[in-house]
Protein backbone atom coordinates (compact mmCIF):
# COMPACT_ATOMS: atom_id res chain seq x y z
CA UNK A 1 -16.96 52.61 -30.25
CA UNK A 2 -19.55 54.38 -32.42
CA UNK A 3 -16.68 55.72 -34.60
CA UNK A 4 -16.14 52.10 -35.83
CA UNK A 5 -19.64 51.52 -36.90
CA UNK A 6 -20.07 51.93 -40.63
CA UNK A 7 -22.90 54.32 -41.61
CA UNK A 8 -23.19 53.19 -45.28
CA UNK A 9 -23.09 49.55 -46.25
CA UNK A 10 -21.58 48.54 -49.52
CA UNK A 11 -22.24 44.89 -48.71
CA UNK A 12 -23.42 42.44 -51.43
CA UNK A 13 -24.46 39.55 -49.18
CA UNK A 14 -26.92 38.62 -46.51
CA UNK A 15 -26.40 41.12 -43.72
CA UNK A 16 -26.40 39.99 -40.04
CA UNK A 17 -24.55 41.23 -37.03
CA UNK A 18 -21.37 39.40 -37.67
CA UNK A 19 -21.18 40.62 -41.35
CA UNK A 20 -21.66 44.14 -40.15
CA UNK A 21 -19.09 43.83 -37.42
CA UNK A 22 -16.51 42.38 -39.91
CA UNK A 23 -17.25 45.21 -42.31
CA UNK A 24 -16.54 47.73 -39.65
CA UNK A 25 -13.30 45.85 -38.70
CA UNK A 26 -12.17 46.07 -42.30
CA UNK A 27 -12.89 49.76 -42.53
CA UNK A 28 -11.13 50.49 -39.22
CA UNK A 29 -8.11 48.45 -40.22
CA UNK A 30 -7.88 50.22 -43.55
CA UNK A 31 -7.97 53.64 -41.95
CA UNK A 32 -5.41 52.87 -39.19
CA UNK A 33 -2.89 50.74 -41.17
CA UNK A 34 -0.40 53.55 -41.90
CA UNK A 35 -0.16 54.66 -38.31
CA UNK A 36 -0.03 50.97 -37.18
CA UNK A 37 2.91 50.28 -39.61
CA UNK A 38 5.16 52.93 -38.01
CA UNK A 39 5.64 51.37 -34.56
CA UNK A 40 5.79 47.86 -35.87
CA UNK A 41 8.50 48.55 -38.34
CA UNK A 42 11.71 46.63 -37.53
CA UNK A 43 13.79 48.66 -35.15
CA UNK A 44 17.52 49.40 -35.72
CA UNK A 45 19.99 47.02 -34.23
CA UNK A 46 21.06 49.67 -31.71
CA UNK A 47 17.51 50.29 -30.49
CA UNK A 48 17.19 50.29 -26.77
CA UNK A 49 14.73 48.29 -24.76
CA UNK A 50 12.93 51.57 -23.95
CA UNK A 51 12.22 52.35 -27.47
CA UNK A 52 10.98 48.84 -28.11
CA UNK A 53 8.69 49.09 -25.10
CA UNK A 54 7.31 52.41 -26.19
CA UNK A 55 6.46 50.99 -29.69
CA UNK A 56 4.84 47.97 -28.11
CA UNK A 57 2.77 50.24 -25.81
CA UNK A 58 1.62 52.31 -28.73
CA UNK A 59 0.41 49.15 -30.50
CA UNK A 60 -1.37 47.84 -27.51
CA UNK A 61 -3.19 51.14 -26.91
CA UNK A 62 -4.74 51.13 -30.43
CA UNK A 63 -8.35 49.85 -30.79
CA UNK A 64 -8.60 46.16 -31.22
CA UNK A 65 -10.48 46.59 -34.55
CA UNK A 66 -7.30 47.90 -36.04
CA UNK A 67 -5.49 44.53 -35.74
CA UNK A 68 -5.22 42.55 -38.89
CA UNK A 69 -5.92 39.29 -36.90
CA UNK A 70 -9.52 40.55 -36.25
CA UNK A 71 -10.52 40.36 -39.85
CA UNK A 72 -12.16 37.09 -40.91
CA UNK A 73 -12.70 35.85 -44.43
CA UNK A 74 -16.58 35.66 -45.12
CA UNK A 75 -18.62 34.35 -47.91
CA UNK A 76 -19.65 37.28 -50.28
CA UNK A 77 -22.93 35.52 -50.90
CA UNK A 78 -24.10 34.32 -47.58
CA UNK A 79 -21.78 35.80 -45.00
CA UNK A 80 -20.58 32.52 -43.57
CA UNK A 81 -17.41 32.58 -41.68
CA UNK A 82 -16.37 28.89 -42.06
CA UNK A 83 -15.56 26.89 -45.09
CA UNK A 84 -14.67 29.91 -47.30
CA UNK A 85 -12.62 29.30 -50.38
CA UNK A 86 -10.02 32.14 -50.55
CA UNK A 87 -9.72 32.30 -54.34
CA UNK A 88 -13.51 32.75 -54.86
CA UNK A 89 -14.40 34.32 -51.49
CA UNK A 90 -17.39 31.99 -51.30
CA UNK A 91 -18.42 29.22 -48.91
CA UNK A 92 -18.12 25.58 -50.08
CA UNK A 93 -21.86 25.18 -50.60
CA UNK A 94 -22.34 28.55 -52.50
CA UNK A 95 -19.24 27.69 -54.65
CA UNK A 96 -20.66 24.32 -55.52
CA UNK A 97 -24.14 25.80 -56.40
CA UNK A 98 -22.68 28.54 -58.68
CA UNK A 99 -20.24 26.11 -60.25
CA UNK A 100 -23.08 23.60 -61.18
CA UNK A 101 -25.14 26.55 -62.55
CA UNK A 102 -22.10 27.54 -64.68
CA UNK A 103 -21.87 30.95 -63.14
CA UNK A 104 -18.10 30.74 -62.30
CA UNK A 105 -15.93 30.97 -65.49
CA UNK A 106 -13.28 28.29 -65.86
CA UNK A 107 -14.86 25.93 -63.21
CA UNK A 108 -16.49 22.63 -64.30
CA UNK A 109 -17.33 19.54 -62.39
CA UNK A 110 -14.56 16.97 -62.38
CA UNK A 111 -15.36 13.37 -63.19
CA UNK A 112 -12.89 10.55 -63.78
């Protein structure tokens, strides 16, 4: 488990345990992505049930941090995991505050 803990943080947001864990998951996924793609590549039509089972077994034996579903979008400013806008990688509240201050180019408050 200690091999998945990141030693040096290049985080630009508020740091708590969830942010650190998500950062570790991203690093582990990035490192294991090539070896994870090999068993999950689509098998040939003549692949036997045994080869499919072996590929599935290899995927299940890998660490859970190497799964892409473990990664969660987090706000780059506050580390929140909910209400994050994908395009800006910010939570709703931080996006609104930065937009009102004029720190986000091309975004202005709509009124009609």
